[in-house]
Amino acid sequence: MQFKQLELKSEGSWLKRTLGSAHFKRTLIAIGVGALVGFTFYYFTEGRLMKSIPGTEILKSMAVGGFFGLFMTNSPCARGRC
């Protein structure tokens, strides 16, 4: 009997594999788009100048939008596990 030689490759560190994955990049893009949508929604619904809008309100809206972007890419249904 002949057996083939099994070749094992090093996968690298967990951090390097995670940062290089397509899913991680797609998640970052979705968070950025969600934050941008949250900011634009807040800006157009408030109807105030940028000088009169408090920075904390802008950050809250961007955080909510970023969370929605994160949820949209990492929910079980988005990954085909419904």
PDB file of N, CA and C in Angstrom:
ATOM      1  N   MET A   1       0.824  -1.177   0.000  1.00  0.00           N
ATOM      2  CA  MET A   1       0.000   0.000   0.000  1.00  0.00           C
ATOM      3  C   MET A   1       0.872   1.244   0.000  1.00  0.00           C
ATOM      4  N   GLN A   2       0.412   2.251  -0.757  1.00  0.00           N
ATOM      5  CA  GLN A   2       1.117   3.524  -0.766  1.00  0.00           C
ATOM      6  C   GLN A   2       0.207   4.604  -0.202  1.00  0.00           C
ATOM      7  N   PHE A   3       0.785   5.429   0.581  1.00  0.00           N
ATOM      8  CA  PHE A   3       0.056   6.545   1.171  1.00  0.00           C
ATOM      9  C   PHE A   3       0.658   7.845   0.675  1.00  0.00           C
ATOM     10  N   LYS A   4      -0.208   8.821   0.457  1.00  0.00           N
ATOM     11  CA  LYS A   4       0.277  10.137   0.059  1.00  0.00           C
ATOM     12  C   LYS A   4       0.769  10.893   1.284  1.00  0.00           C
ATOM     13  N   GLN A   5       1.755  11.704   1.060  1.00  0.00           N
ATOM     14  CA  GLN A   5       2.280  12.547   2.133  1.00  0.00           C
ATOM     15  C   GLN A   5       1.279  13.677   2.405  1.00  0.00           C
ATOM     16  N   LEU A   6       0.906  13.842   3.635  1.00  0.00           N
ATOM     17  CA  LEU A   6      -0.016  14.896   4.022  1.00  0.00           C
ATOM     18  C   LEU A   6       0.777  16.168   4.273  1.00  0.00           C
ATOM     19  N   GLU A   7       0.405  17.229   3.560  1.00  0.00           N
ATOM     20  CA  GLU A   7       1.110  18.494   3.721  1.00  0.00           C
ATOM     21  C   GLU A   7       0.272  19.424   4.592  1.00  0.00           C
ATOM     22  N   LEU A   8       0.845  19.835   5.683  1.00  0.00           N
ATOM     23  CA  LEU A   8       0.177  20.756   6.592  1.00  0.00           C
ATOM     24  C   LEU A   8       0.803  22.131   6.447  1.00  0.00           C
ATOM     25  N   LYS A   9      -0.052  23.128   6.263  1.00  0.00           N
ATOM     26  CA  LYS A   9       0.430  24.500   6.161  1.00  0.00           C
ATOM     27  C   LYS A   9       0.034  25.259   7.414  1.00  0.00           C
ATOM     28  N   SER A  10       0.865  26.186   7.783  1.00  0.00           N
ATOM     29  CA  SER A  10       0.540  27.049   8.908  1.00  0.00           C
ATOM     30  C   SER A  10      -0.529  28.045   8.471  1.00  0.00           C
ATOM     31  N   GLU A  11      -1.563  28.190   9.265  1.00  0.00           N
ATOM     32  CA  GLU A  11      -2.656  29.089   8.922  1.00  0.00           C
ATOM     33  C   GLU A  11      -2.388  30.521   9.351  1.00  0.00           C
ATOM     34  N   GLY A  12      -1.386  30.761  10.121  1.00  0.00           N
ATOM     35  CA  GLY A  12      -1.134  32.102  10.625  1.00  0.00           C
ATOM     36  C   GLY A  12      -1.932  32.350  11.892  1.00  0.00           C
ATOM     37  N   SER A  13      -1.812  33.538  12.407  1.00  0.00           N
ATOM     38  CA  SER A  13      -2.497  33.856  13.655  1.00  0.00           C
ATOM     39  C   SER A  13      -3.988  34.094  13.413  1.00  0.00           C
ATOM     40  N   TRP A  14      -4.746  34.002  14.478  1.00  0.00           N
ATOM     41  CA  TRP A  14      -6.183  34.205  14.397  1.00  0.00           C
ATOM     42  C   TRP A  14      -6.496  35.622  13.943  1.00  0.00           C
ATOM     43  N   LEU A  15      -5.749  36.589  14.450  1.00  0.00           N
ATOM     44  CA  LEU A  15      -5.991  37.983  14.108  1.00  0.00           C
ATOM     45  C   LEU A  15      -5.755  38.240  12.627  1.00  0.00           C
ATOM     46  N   LYS A  16      -4.700  37.679  12.090  1.00  0.00           N
ATOM     47  CA  LYS A  16      -4.381  37.865  10.677  1.00  0.00           C
ATOM     48  C   LYS A  16      -5.448  37.220   9.791  1.00  0.00           C
ATOM     49  N   ARG A  17      -5.918  36.044  10.160  1.00  0.00           N
ATOM     50  CA  ARG A  17      -6.973  35.380   9.386  1.00  0.00           C
ATOM     51  C   ARG A  17      -8.283  36.151   9.457  1.00  0.00           C
ATOM     52  N   THR A  18      -8.602  36.692  10.626  1.00  0.00           N
ATOM     53  CA  THR A  18      -9.851  37.426  10.793  1.00  0.00           C
ATOM     54  C   THR A  18      -9.829  38.736  10.022  1.00  0.00           C
ATOM     55  N   LEU A  19      -8.745  39.490  10.138  1.00  0.00           N
ATOM     56  CA  LEU A  19      -8.660  40.780   9.455  1.00  0.00           C
ATOM     57  C   LEU A  19      -8.600  40.630   7.945  1.00  0.00           C
ATOM     58  N   GLY A  20      -8.132  39.507   7.461  1.00  0.00           N
ATOM     59  CA  GLY A  20      -8.025  39.285   6.027  1.00  0.00           C
ATOM     60  C   GLY A  20      -9.243  38.638   5.397  1.00  0.00           C
ATOM     61  N   SER A  21     -10.220  38.271   6.212  1.00  0.00           N
ATOM     62  CA  SER A  21     -11.376  37.556   5.661  1.00  0.00           C
ATOM     63  C   SER A  21     -12.325  38.514   4.940  1.00  0.00           C
ATOM     64  N   ALA A  22     -13.021  37.985   3.968  1.00  0.00           N
ATOM     65  CA  ALA A  22     -13.975  38.786   3.196  1.00  0.00           C
ATOM     66  C   ALA A  22     -15.165  39.204   4.059  1.00  0.00           C
ATOM     67  N   HIS A  23     -15.572  38.350   4.987  1.00  0.00           N
ATOM     68  CA  HIS A  23     -16.708  38.676   5.849  1.00  0.00           C
ATOM     69  C   HIS A  23     -16.383  39.867   6.748  1.00  0.00           C
ATOM     70  N   PHE A  24     -15.171  39.925   7.268  1.00  0.00           N
ATOM     71  CA  PHE A  24     -14.764  41.035   8.131  1.00  0.00           C
ATOM     72  C   PHE A  24     -14.769  42.347   7.350  1.00  0.00           C
ATOM     73  N   LYS A  25     -14.262  42.314   6.134  1.00  0.00           N
ATOM     74  CA  LYS A  25     -14.245  43.523   5.303  1.00  0.00           C
ATOM     75  C   LYS A  25     -15.661  43.971   4.963  1.00  0.00           C
ATOM     76  N   ARG A  26     -16.531  43.021   4.651  1.00  0.00           N
ATOM     77  CA  ARG A  26     -17.923  43.346   4.341  1.00  0.00           C
ATOM     78  C   ARG A  26     -18.617  43.933   5.573  1.00  0.00           C
ATOM     79  N   THR A  27     -18.298  43.416   6.754  1.00  0.00           N
ATOM     80  CA  THR A  27     -18.881  43.937   7.982  1.00  0.00           C
ATOM     81  C   THR A  27     -18.436  45.369   8.233  1.00  0.00           C
ATOM     82  N   LEU A  28     -17.151  45.660   8.039  1.00  0.00           N
ATOM     83  CA  LEU A  28     -16.659  47.025   8.234  1.00  0.00           C
ATOM     84  C   LEU A  28     -17.310  47.998   7.256  1.00  0.00           C
ATOM     85  N   ILE A  29     -17.484  47.571   6.023  1.00  0.00           N
ATOM     86  CA  ILE A  29     -18.143  48.429   5.034  1.00  0.00           C
ATOM     87  C   ILE A  29     -19.594  48.689   5.441  1.00  0.00           C
ATOM     88  N   ALA A  30     -20.284  47.659   5.908  1.00  0.00           N
ATOM     89  CA  ALA A  30     -21.683  47.815   6.316  1.00  0.00           C
ATOM     90  C   ALA A  30     -21.804  48.728   7.532  1.00  0.00           C
ATOM     91  N   ILE A  31     -20.871  48.643   8.468  1.00  0.00           N
ATOM     92  CA  ILE A  31     -20.890  49.529   9.632  1.00  0.00           C
ATOM     93  C   ILE A  31     -20.677  50.973   9.190  1.00  0.00           C
ATOM     94  N   GLY A  32     -19.732  51.189   8.286  1.00  0.00           N
ATOM     95  CA  GLY A  32     -19.478  52.539   7.783  1.00  0.00           C
ATOM     96  C   GLY A  32     -20.668  53.117   7.038  1.00  0.00           C
ATOM     97  N   VAL A  33     -21.284  52.311   6.189  1.00  0.00           N
ATOM     98  CA  VAL A  33     -22.461  52.773   5.442  1.00  0.00           C
ATOM     99  C   VAL A  33     -23.616  53.046   6.401  1.00  0.00           C
ATOM    100  N   GLY A  34     -23.795  52.178   7.389  1.00  0.00           N
ATOM    101  CA  GLY A  34     -24.857  52.390   8.372  1.00  0.00           C
ATOM    102  C   GLY A  34     -24.646  53.659   9.179  1.00  0.00           C
ATOM    103  N   ALA A  35     -23.399  53.937   9.558  1.00  0.00           N
ATOM    104  CA  ALA A  35     -23.101  55.168  10.291  1.00  0.00           C
ATOM    105  C   ALA A  35     -23.358  56.390   9.419  1.00  0.00           C
ATOM    106  N   LEU A  36     -23.001  56.309   8.159  1.00  0.00           N
ATOM    107  CA  LEU A  36     -23.241  57.420   7.236  1.00  0.00           C
ATOM    108  C   LEU A  36     -24.738  57.656   7.035  1.00  0.00           C
ATOM    109  N   VAL A  37     -25.492  56.579   6.900  1.00  0.00           N
ATOM    110  CA  VAL A  37     -26.947  56.705   6.752  1.00  0.00           C
ATOM    111  C   VAL A  37     -27.560  57.274   8.029  1.00  0.00           C
ATOM    112  N   GLY A  38     -27.072  56.836   9.191  1.00  0.00           N
ATOM    113  CA  GLY A  38     -27.567  57.376  10.457  1.00  0.00           C
ATOM    114  C   GLY A  38     -27.306  58.868  10.580  1.00  0.00           C
ATOM    115  N   PHE A  39     -26.122  59.300  10.159  1.00  0.00           N
ATOM    116  CA  PHE A  39     -25.798  60.723  10.202  1.00  0.00           C
ATOM    117  C   PHE A  39     -26.674  61.523   9.247  1.00  0.00           C
ATOM    118  N   THR A  40     -26.813  61.051   8.016  1.00  0.00           N
ATOM    119  CA  THR A  40     -27.612  61.804   7.043  1.00  0.00           C
ATOM    120  C   THR A  40     -29.087  61.844   7.444  1.00  0.00           C
ATOM    121  N   PHE A  41     -29.588  60.753   8.006  1.00  0.00           N
ATOM    122  CA  PHE A  41     -30.974  60.746   8.476  1.00  0.00           C
ATOM    123  C   PHE A  41     -31.168  61.779   9.577  1.00  0.00           C
ATOM    124  N   TYR A  42     -30.248  61.816  10.531  1.00  0.00           N
ATOM    125  CA  TYR A  42     -30.346  62.786  11.626  1.00  0.00           C
ATOM    126  C   TYR A  42     -30.229  64.208  11.091  1.00  0.00           C
ATOM    127  N   TYR A  43     -29.308  64.431  10.175  1.00  0.00           N
ATOM    128  CA  TYR A  43     -29.075  65.771   9.640  1.00  0.00           C
ATOM    129  C   TYR A  43     -30.300  66.295   8.896  1.00  0.00           C
ATOM    130  N   PHE A  44     -30.909  65.463   8.074  1.00  0.00           N
ATOM    131  CA  PHE A  44     -32.046  65.934   7.287  1.00  0.00           C
ATOM    132  C   PHE A  44     -33.349  65.986   8.083  1.00  0.00           C
ATOM    133  N   THR A  45     -33.499  65.180   9.108  1.00  0.00           N
ATOM    134  CA  THR A  45     -34.737  65.228   9.890  1.00  0.00           C
ATOM    135  C   THR A  45     -34.723  66.351  10.915  1.00  0.00           C
ATOM    136  N   GLU A  46     -33.557  66.762  11.389  1.00  0.00           N
ATOM    137  CA  GLU A  46     -33.488  67.838  12.375  1.00  0.00           C
ATOM    138  C   GLU A  46     -33.670  69.207  11.732  1.00  0.00           C
ATOM    139  N   GLY A  47     -33.158  69.416  10.533  1.00  0.00           N
ATOM    140  CA  GLY A  47     -33.325  70.686   9.844  1.00  0.00           C
ATOM    141  C   GLY A  47     -32.579  71.834  10.498  1.00  0.00           C
ATOM    142  N   ARG A  48     -31.439  71.536  11.127  1.00  0.00           N
ATOM    143  CA  ARG A  48     -30.634  72.583  11.755  1.00  0.00           C
ATOM    144  C   ARG A  48     -29.286  72.678  11.060  1.00  0.00           C
ATOM    145  N   LEU A  49     -28.599  73.772  11.309  1.00  0.00           N
ATOM    146  CA  LEU A  49     -27.245  73.924  10.785  1.00  0.00           C
ATOM    147  C   LEU A  49     -26.287  73.030  11.565  1.00  0.00           C
ATOM    148  N   MET A  50     -25.166  72.700  10.953  1.00  0.00           N
ATOM    149  CA  MET A  50     -24.183  71.828  11.611  1.00  0.00           C
ATOM    150  C   MET A  50     -23.640  72.459  12.888  1.00  0.00           C
ATOM    151  N   LYS A  51     -23.571  73.775  12.942  1.00  0.00           N
ATOM    152  CA  LYS A  51     -23.032  74.452  14.129  1.00  0.00           C
ATOM    153  C   LYS A  51     -23.939  74.284  15.341  1.00  0.00           C
ATOM    154  N   SER A  52     -25.237  74.156  15.111  1.00  0.00           N
ATOM    155  CA  SER A  52     -26.174  74.086  16.232  1.00  0.00           C
ATOM    156  C   SER A  52     -26.502  72.654  16.658  1.00  0.00           C
ATOM    157  N   ILE A  53     -25.974  71.665  15.968  1.00  0.00           N
ATOM    158  CA  ILE A  53     -26.237  70.270  16.334  1.00  0.00           C
ATOM    159  C   ILE A  53     -25.154  69.809  17.305  1.00  0.00           C
ATOM    160  N   PRO A  54     -25.543  69.308  18.482  1.00  0.00           N
ATOM    161  CA  PRO A  54     -24.534  68.817  19.428  1.00  0.00           C
ATOM    162  C   PRO A  54     -23.824  67.568  18.895  1.00  0.00           C
ATOM    163  N   GLY A  55     -22.543  67.478  19.183  1.00  0.00           N
ATOM    164  CA  GLY A  55     -21.742  66.351  18.703  1.00  0.00           C
ATOM    165  C   GLY A  55     -22.194  65.016  19.252  1.00  0.00           C
ATOM    166  N   THR A  56     -22.711  65.019  20.478  1.00  0.00           N
ATOM    167  CA  THR A  56     -23.150  63.750  21.071  1.00  0.00           C
ATOM    168  C   THR A  56     -24.356  63.184  20.332  1.00  0.00           C
ATOM    169  N   GLU A  57     -25.232  64.065  19.865  1.00  0.00           N
ATOM    170  CA  GLU A  57     -26.399  63.598  19.110  1.00  0.00           C
ATOM    171  C   GLU A  57     -25.980  62.976  17.785  1.00  0.00           C
ATOM    172  N   ILE A  58     -24.991  63.574  17.145  1.00  0.00           N
ATOM    173  CA  ILE A  58     -24.483  63.021  15.887  1.00  0.00           C
ATOM    174  C   ILE A  58     -23.865  61.652  16.134  1.00  0.00           C
ATOM    175  N   LEU A  59     -23.067  61.542  17.202  1.00  0.00           N
ATOM    176  CA  LEU A  59     -22.425  60.262  17.512  1.00  0.00           C
ATOM    177  C   LEU A  59     -23.448  59.184  17.847  1.00  0.00           C
ATOM    178  N   LYS A  60     -24.505  59.555  18.550  1.00  0.00           N
ATOM    179  CA  LYS A  60     -25.553  58.577  18.870  1.00  0.00           C
ATOM    180  C   LYS A  60     -26.212  58.048  17.597  1.00  0.00           C
ATOM    181  N   SER A  61     -26.522  58.949  16.678  1.00  0.00           N
ATOM    182  CA  SER A  61     -27.160  58.528  15.429  1.00  0.00           C
ATOM    183  C   SER A  61     -26.225  57.663  14.601  1.00  0.00           C
ATOM    184  N   MET A  62     -24.948  58.018  14.577  1.00  0.00           N
ATOM    185  CA  MET A  62     -23.977  57.218  13.832  1.00  0.00           C
ATOM    186  C   MET A  62     -23.789  55.850  14.476  1.00  0.00           C
ATOM    187  N   ALA A  63     -23.826  55.792  15.815  1.00  0.00           N
ATOM    188  CA  ALA A  63     -23.682  54.508  16.504  1.00  0.00           C
ATOM    189  C   ALA A  63     -24.871  53.598  16.211  1.00  0.00           C
ATOM    190  N   VAL A  64     -26.069  54.154  16.207  1.00  0.00           N
ATOM    191  CA  VAL A  64     -27.257  53.354  15.897  1.00  0.00           C
ATOM    192  C   VAL A  64     -27.192  52.848  14.462  1.00  0.00           C
ATOM    193  N   GLY A  65     -26.800  53.716  13.535  1.00  0.00           N
ATOM    194  CA  GLY A  65     -26.670  53.301  12.142  1.00  0.00           C
ATOM    195  C   GLY A  65     -25.597  52.244  11.960  1.00  0.00           C
ATOM    196  N   GLY A  66     -24.472  52.407  12.668  1.00  0.00           N
ATOM    197  CA  GLY A  66     -23.411  51.402  12.607  1.00  0.00           C
ATOM    198  C   GLY A  66     -23.859  50.066  13.175  1.00  0.00           C
ATOM    199  N   PHE A  67     -24.654  50.105  14.241  1.00  0.00           N
ATOM    200  CA  PHE A  67     -25.183  48.866  14.808  1.00  0.00           C
ATOM    201  C   PHE A  67     -26.092  48.158  13.815  1.00  0.00           C
ATOM    202  N   PHE A  68     -26.937  48.921  13.126  1.00  0.00           N
ATOM    203  CA  PHE A  68     -27.799  48.302  12.119  1.00  0.00           C
ATOM    204  C   PHE A  68     -26.974  47.680  11.001  1.00  0.00           C
ATOM    205  N   GLY A  69     -25.890  48.348  10.595  1.00  0.00           N
ATOM    206  CA  GLY A  69     -25.012  47.769   9.582  1.00  0.00           C
ATOM    207  C   GLY A  69     -24.373  46.481  10.066  1.00  0.00           C
ATOM    208  N   LEU A  70     -23.944  46.466  11.328  1.00  0.00           N
ATOM    209  CA  LEU A  70     -23.360  45.256  11.916  1.00  0.00           C
ATOM    210  C   LEU A  70     -24.392  44.139  11.981  1.00  0.00           C
ATOM    211  N   PHE A  71     -25.596  44.473  12.403  1.00  0.00           N
ATOM    212  CA  PHE A  71     -26.641  43.465  12.521  1.00  0.00           C
ATOM    213  C   PHE A  71     -27.028  42.892  11.164  1.00  0.00           C
ATOM    214  N   MET A  72     -27.063  43.746  10.147  1.00  0.00           N
ATOM    215  CA  MET A  72     -27.467  43.286   8.815  1.00  0.00           C
ATOM    216  C   MET A  72     -26.468  42.295   8.225  1.00  0.00           C
ATOM    217  N   THR A  73     -25.190  42.418   8.561  1.00  0.00           N
ATOM    218  CA  THR A  73     -24.206  41.494   7.994  1.00  0.00           C
ATOM    219  C   THR A  73     -23.957  40.280   8.874  1.00  0.00           C
ATOM    220  N   ASN A  74     -24.236  40.373  10.166  1.00  0.00           N
ATOM    221  CA  ASN A  74     -23.914  39.271  11.065  1.00  0.00           C
ATOM    222  C   ASN A  74     -25.127  38.543  11.619  1.00  0.00           C
ATOM    223  N   SER A  75     -26.325  38.901  11.181  1.00  0.00           N
ATOM    224  CA  SER A  75     -27.500  38.180  11.650  1.00  0.00           C
ATOM    225  C   SER A  75     -27.505  36.780  11.024  1.00  0.00           C
ATOM    226  N   PRO A  76     -28.126  35.827  11.681  1.00  0.00           N
ATOM    227  CA  PRO A  76     -28.149  34.471  11.117  1.00  0.00           C
ATOM    228  C   PRO A  76     -28.794  34.400   9.741  1.00  0.00           C
ATOM    229  N   CYS A  77     -29.821  35.186   9.511  1.00  0.00           N
ATOM    230  CA  CYS A  77     -30.486  35.152   8.199  1.00  0.00           C
ATOM    231  C   CYS A  77     -29.597  35.733   7.108  1.00  0.00           C
ATOM    232  N   ALA A  78     -28.757  36.703   7.445  1.00  0.00           N
ATOM    233  CA  ALA A  78     -27.854  37.286   6.451  1.00  0.00           C
ATOM    234  C   ALA A  78     -26.777  36.290   6.043  1.00  0.00           C
ATOM    235  N   ARG A  79     -26.489  35.341   6.910  1.00  0.00           N
ATOM    236  CA  ARG A  79     -25.452  34.357   6.618  1.00  0.00           C
ATOM    237  C   ARG A  79     -26.033  33.031   6.143  1.00  0.00           C
ATOM    238  N   GLY A  80     -27.338  33.002   5.855  1.00  0.00           N
ATOM    239  CA  GLY A  80     -27.969  31.804   5.305  1.00  0.00           C
ATOM    240  C   GLY A  80     -28.221  30.708   6.318  1.00  0.00           C
ATOM    241  N   ARG A  81     -28.469  31.069   7.573  1.00  0.00           N
ATOM    242  CA  ARG A  81     -28.693  30.063   8.617  1.00  0.00           C
ATOM    243  C   ARG A  81     -30.066  30.187   9.260  1.00  0.00           C
ATOM    244  N   CYS A  82     -31.031  30.687   8.529  1.00  0.00           N
ATOM    245  CA  CYS A  82     -32.390  30.836   9.086  1.00  0.00           C
ATOM    246  C   CYS A  82     -33.049  29.480   9.228  1.00  0.00           C
TER     247      CYS A  82
END
